[in-house]
């Protein structure tokens, strides 16, 4: 695993590799986005004992809940970072 990361990560910065495609970067962001949502709902409901409607209330931006912005940042950050580093 470490050897794989050592070969892939330098390629993002133009270190001689091809780097990730835009599709790869979108898939990475989507993967982390989904994992974060699953973790929040599964942990929040089954471990912390919160009701589903309380968990969903954290996504209401009209009531000042900005957690959705964190999730959207998680979704687009790999694409933005990969694009900037490949320039």
N, C-alpha and C. Protein backbone atom coordinates (compact mmCIF):
# COMPACT_ATOMS: atom_id res chain seq x y z
N UNK A 1 0.83 -1.20 0.00
CA UNK A 1 0.00 0.00 0.00
C UNK A 1 0.86 1.25 0.00
N UNK A 2 1.88 1.28 0.82
CA UNK A 2 2.74 2.45 0.90
C UNK A 2 3.50 2.64 -0.40
N UNK A 3 3.96 1.55 -0.99
CA UNK A 3 4.69 1.66 -2.26
C UNK A 3 3.78 2.21 -3.35
N UNK A 4 2.54 1.77 -3.36
CA UNK A 4 1.59 2.26 -4.36
C UNK A 4 1.39 3.76 -4.20
N UNK A 5 1.15 4.21 -2.98
CA UNK A 5 0.95 5.64 -2.73
C UNK A 5 2.19 6.44 -3.08
N UNK A 6 3.36 5.89 -2.81
CA UNK A 6 4.60 6.60 -3.11
C UNK A 6 4.76 6.80 -4.61
N UNK A 7 4.24 5.88 -5.40
CA UNK A 7 4.32 6.03 -6.85
C UNK A 7 3.24 6.94 -7.40
N UNK A 8 2.05 6.91 -6.80
CA UNK A 8 0.92 7.67 -7.34
C UNK A 8 0.99 9.13 -6.93
N UNK A 9 1.25 9.41 -5.66
CA UNK A 9 1.19 10.79 -5.17
C UNK A 9 2.16 11.73 -5.87
N UNK A 10 3.41 11.35 -6.14
CA UNK A 10 4.28 12.29 -6.86
C UNK A 10 3.77 12.61 -8.27
N UNK A 11 3.02 11.69 -8.87
CA UNK A 11 2.52 11.94 -10.21
C UNK A 11 1.49 13.06 -10.23
N UNK A 12 0.82 13.31 -9.11
CA UNK A 12 -0.12 14.42 -9.06
C UNK A 12 0.60 15.76 -9.22
N UNK A 13 1.79 15.83 -8.70
CA UNK A 13 2.54 17.08 -8.77
C UNK A 13 3.40 17.21 -10.01
N UNK A 14 3.19 16.34 -10.97
CA UNK A 14 3.97 16.40 -12.20
C UNK A 14 5.34 15.78 -12.05
N UNK A 15 5.48 14.84 -11.14
CA UNK A 15 6.76 14.22 -10.88
C UNK A 15 7.12 13.10 -11.83
N UNK A 16 6.71 13.17 -13.08
CA UNK A 16 7.10 12.19 -14.06
C UNK A 16 6.02 11.19 -14.41
N UNK A 17 4.98 11.06 -13.61
CA UNK A 17 3.90 10.13 -13.92
C UNK A 17 2.80 10.82 -14.68
N UNK A 18 1.82 10.03 -15.08
CA UNK A 18 0.70 10.61 -15.81
C UNK A 18 -0.32 11.25 -14.89
N UNK A 19 -0.36 10.84 -13.64
CA UNK A 19 -1.33 11.41 -12.71
C UNK A 19 -2.69 10.77 -12.88
N UNK A 20 -3.66 11.35 -12.21
CA UNK A 20 -5.02 10.86 -12.26
C UNK A 20 -5.78 11.54 -13.40
N UNK A 21 -6.71 10.81 -13.98
CA UNK A 21 -7.60 11.44 -14.95
C UNK A 21 -8.67 12.21 -14.19
N UNK A 22 -9.40 13.04 -14.88
CA UNK A 22 -10.47 13.80 -14.24
C UNK A 22 -11.54 12.86 -13.71
N UNK A 23 -11.79 11.79 -14.45
CA UNK A 23 -12.76 10.80 -13.98
C UNK A 23 -12.30 10.16 -12.67
N UNK A 24 -11.01 9.83 -12.59
CA UNK A 24 -10.46 9.27 -11.35
C UNK A 24 -10.68 10.23 -10.18
N UNK A 25 -10.41 11.50 -10.40
CA UNK A 25 -10.55 12.49 -9.34
C UNK A 25 -12.00 12.67 -8.91
N UNK A 26 -12.91 12.63 -9.86
CA UNK A 26 -14.34 12.72 -9.54
C UNK A 26 -14.76 11.49 -8.75
N UNK A 27 -14.28 10.32 -9.15
CA UNK A 27 -14.62 9.08 -8.43
C UNK A 27 -14.06 9.08 -7.01
N UNK A 28 -12.85 9.60 -6.84
CA UNK A 28 -12.26 9.69 -5.50
C UNK A 28 -13.10 10.61 -4.62
N UNK A 29 -13.48 11.77 -5.13
CA UNK A 29 -14.33 12.69 -4.36
C UNK A 29 -15.68 12.08 -4.03
N UNK A 30 -16.27 11.39 -4.99
CA UNK A 30 -17.57 10.75 -4.77
C UNK A 30 -17.45 9.65 -3.72
N UNK A 31 -16.37 8.88 -3.79
CA UNK A 31 -16.13 7.81 -2.82
C UNK A 31 -16.07 8.37 -1.40
N UNK A 32 -15.28 9.43 -1.19
CA UNK A 32 -15.16 10.02 0.14
C UNK A 32 -16.46 10.68 0.59
N UNK A 33 -17.17 11.28 -0.34
CA UNK A 33 -18.46 11.91 -0.05
C UNK A 33 -19.44 10.86 0.49
N UNK A 34 -19.54 9.73 -0.21
CA UNK A 34 -20.46 8.66 0.19
C UNK A 34 -20.02 8.04 1.52
N UNK A 35 -18.71 7.78 1.66
CA UNK A 35 -18.23 7.21 2.92
C UNK A 35 -18.53 8.12 4.11
N UNK A 36 -18.37 9.41 3.92
CA UNK A 36 -18.62 10.37 5.00
C UNK A 36 -20.09 10.37 5.40
N UNK A 37 -20.97 10.36 4.41
CA UNK A 37 -22.41 10.35 4.70
C UNK A 37 -22.80 9.05 5.40
N UNK A 38 -22.32 7.93 4.88
CA UNK A 38 -22.63 6.64 5.52
C UNK A 38 -22.15 6.63 6.96
N UNK A 39 -20.92 7.08 7.18
CA UNK A 39 -20.38 7.09 8.54
C UNK A 39 -21.23 7.97 9.45
N UNK A 40 -21.57 9.15 8.98
CA UNK A 40 -22.33 10.07 9.82
C UNK A 40 -23.68 9.48 10.21
N UNK A 41 -24.38 8.89 9.26
CA UNK A 41 -25.70 8.36 9.57
C UNK A 41 -25.64 7.06 10.36
N UNK A 42 -24.76 6.15 10.00
CA UNK A 42 -24.64 4.88 10.72
C UNK A 42 -24.15 5.11 12.14
N UNK A 43 -23.08 5.88 12.29
CA UNK A 43 -22.53 6.16 13.63
C UNK A 43 -23.53 6.98 14.45
N UNK A 44 -24.07 8.02 13.83
CA UNK A 44 -24.99 8.90 14.55
C UNK A 44 -26.23 8.18 15.04
N UNK A 45 -26.76 7.28 14.23
CA UNK A 45 -27.99 6.59 14.60
C UNK A 45 -27.74 5.39 15.52
N UNK A 46 -26.83 4.52 15.10
CA UNK A 46 -26.68 3.25 15.81
C UNK A 46 -25.71 3.33 17.01
N UNK A 47 -24.76 4.23 16.98
CA UNK A 47 -23.83 4.33 18.11
C UNK A 47 -24.27 5.44 19.07
N UNK A 48 -24.55 6.63 18.52
CA UNK A 48 -24.92 7.77 19.37
C UNK A 48 -26.40 7.77 19.74
N UNK A 49 -27.22 7.02 19.00
CA UNK A 49 -28.64 6.92 19.32
C UNK A 49 -29.49 8.07 18.85
N UNK A 50 -29.00 8.89 17.92
CA UNK A 50 -29.78 10.01 17.40
C UNK A 50 -30.88 9.51 16.46
N UNK A 51 -31.99 10.20 16.48
CA UNK A 51 -33.08 9.87 15.56
C UNK A 51 -32.72 10.32 14.15
N UNK A 52 -33.32 9.65 13.17
CA UNK A 52 -33.01 9.97 11.77
C UNK A 52 -33.34 11.42 11.44
N UNK A 53 -34.48 11.92 11.95
CA UNK A 53 -34.85 13.32 11.63
C UNK A 53 -33.87 14.32 12.23
N UNK A 54 -33.25 14.00 13.36
CA UNK A 54 -32.23 14.88 13.92
C UNK A 54 -30.99 14.88 13.03
N UNK A 55 -30.63 13.71 12.52
CA UNK A 55 -29.47 13.64 11.63
C UNK A 55 -29.74 14.39 10.33
N UNK A 56 -30.94 14.26 9.80
CA UNK A 56 -31.28 14.97 8.57
C UNK A 56 -31.35 16.48 8.78
N UNK A 57 -31.70 16.92 9.99
CA UNK A 57 -31.79 18.35 10.29
C UNK A 57 -30.43 19.05 10.13
N UNK A 58 -29.36 18.31 10.28
CA UNK A 58 -28.03 18.90 10.12
C UNK A 58 -27.73 19.31 8.68
N UNK A 59 -28.57 18.91 7.75
CA UNK A 59 -28.38 19.25 6.33
C UNK A 59 -29.24 20.43 5.89
N UNK A 60 -29.98 21.04 6.80
CA UNK A 60 -30.86 22.15 6.46
C UNK A 60 -30.08 23.47 6.49
N UNK A 61 -29.64 23.88 5.32
CA UNK A 61 -28.83 25.10 5.21
C UNK A 61 -29.65 26.35 5.53
N UNK A 62 -30.98 26.27 5.38
CA UNK A 62 -31.84 27.41 5.68
C UNK A 62 -31.90 27.70 7.18
N UNK A 63 -31.51 26.73 7.99
CA UNK A 63 -31.48 26.94 9.45
C UNK A 63 -30.05 27.13 9.94
N UNK A 64 -29.16 27.47 9.04
CA UNK A 64 -27.79 27.78 9.42
C UNK A 64 -26.87 26.59 9.54
N UNK A 65 -27.33 25.43 9.13
CA UNK A 65 -26.48 24.24 9.17
C UNK A 65 -25.63 24.20 7.92
N UNK A 66 -24.32 24.30 8.09
CA UNK A 66 -23.44 24.38 6.93
C UNK A 66 -22.66 23.08 6.69
N UNK A 67 -23.05 22.00 7.35
CA UNK A 67 -22.36 20.72 7.17
C UNK A 67 -22.38 20.29 5.71
N UNK A 68 -23.44 20.59 4.99
CA UNK A 68 -23.53 20.22 3.58
C UNK A 68 -22.40 20.86 2.77
N UNK A 69 -21.94 22.04 3.18
CA UNK A 69 -20.83 22.69 2.48
C UNK A 69 -19.53 21.92 2.69
N UNK A 70 -19.38 21.33 3.87
CA UNK A 70 -18.21 20.49 4.13
C UNK A 70 -18.24 19.27 3.22
N UNK A 71 -19.41 18.67 3.09
CA UNK A 71 -19.54 17.50 2.23
C UNK A 71 -19.30 17.85 0.76
N UNK A 72 -19.81 18.98 0.34
CA UNK A 72 -19.59 19.40 -1.05
C UNK A 72 -18.11 19.69 -1.31
N UNK A 73 -17.43 20.24 -0.32
CA UNK A 73 -15.99 20.46 -0.44
C UNK A 73 -15.25 19.13 -0.56
N UNK A 74 -15.66 18.16 0.23
CA UNK A 74 -15.08 16.82 0.15
C UNK A 74 -15.29 16.23 -1.24
N UNK A 75 -16.43 16.50 -1.82
CA UNK A 75 -16.76 15.97 -3.14
C UNK A 75 -15.88 16.57 -4.24
N UNK A 76 -15.65 17.88 -4.21
CA UNK A 76 -14.94 18.54 -5.31
C UNK A 76 -13.45 18.75 -5.07
N UNK A 77 -12.99 18.59 -3.83
CA UNK A 77 -11.58 18.88 -3.50
C UNK A 77 -10.58 18.05 -4.31
N UNK A 78 -10.79 16.75 -4.51
CA UNK A 78 -9.81 16.00 -5.31
C UNK A 78 -9.70 16.52 -6.75
N UNK A 79 -10.82 16.87 -7.35
CA UNK A 79 -10.79 17.38 -8.73
C UNK A 79 -10.08 18.73 -8.79
N UNK A 80 -10.39 19.62 -7.87
CA UNK A 80 -9.75 20.93 -7.87
C UNK A 80 -8.24 20.80 -7.61
N UNK A 81 -7.89 20.00 -6.61
CA UNK A 81 -6.47 19.82 -6.26
C UNK A 81 -5.70 19.16 -7.40
N UNK A 82 -6.26 18.10 -7.96
CA UNK A 82 -5.61 17.41 -9.07
C UNK A 82 -5.44 18.30 -10.28
N UNK A 83 -6.44 19.11 -10.58
CA UNK A 83 -6.35 20.03 -11.71
C UNK A 83 -5.28 21.08 -11.48
N UNK A 84 -5.22 21.64 -10.27
CA UNK A 84 -4.23 22.66 -9.98
C UNK A 84 -2.80 22.09 -9.98
N UNK A 85 -2.63 20.89 -9.46
CA UNK A 85 -1.29 20.31 -9.39
C UNK A 85 -0.79 19.81 -10.73
N UNK A 86 -1.69 19.52 -11.65
CA UNK A 86 -1.29 19.02 -12.97
C UNK A 86 -1.01 20.14 -13.96
N UNK A 87 -1.18 21.38 -13.55
CA UNK A 87 -0.92 22.51 -14.47
C UNK A 87 0.55 22.75 -14.59
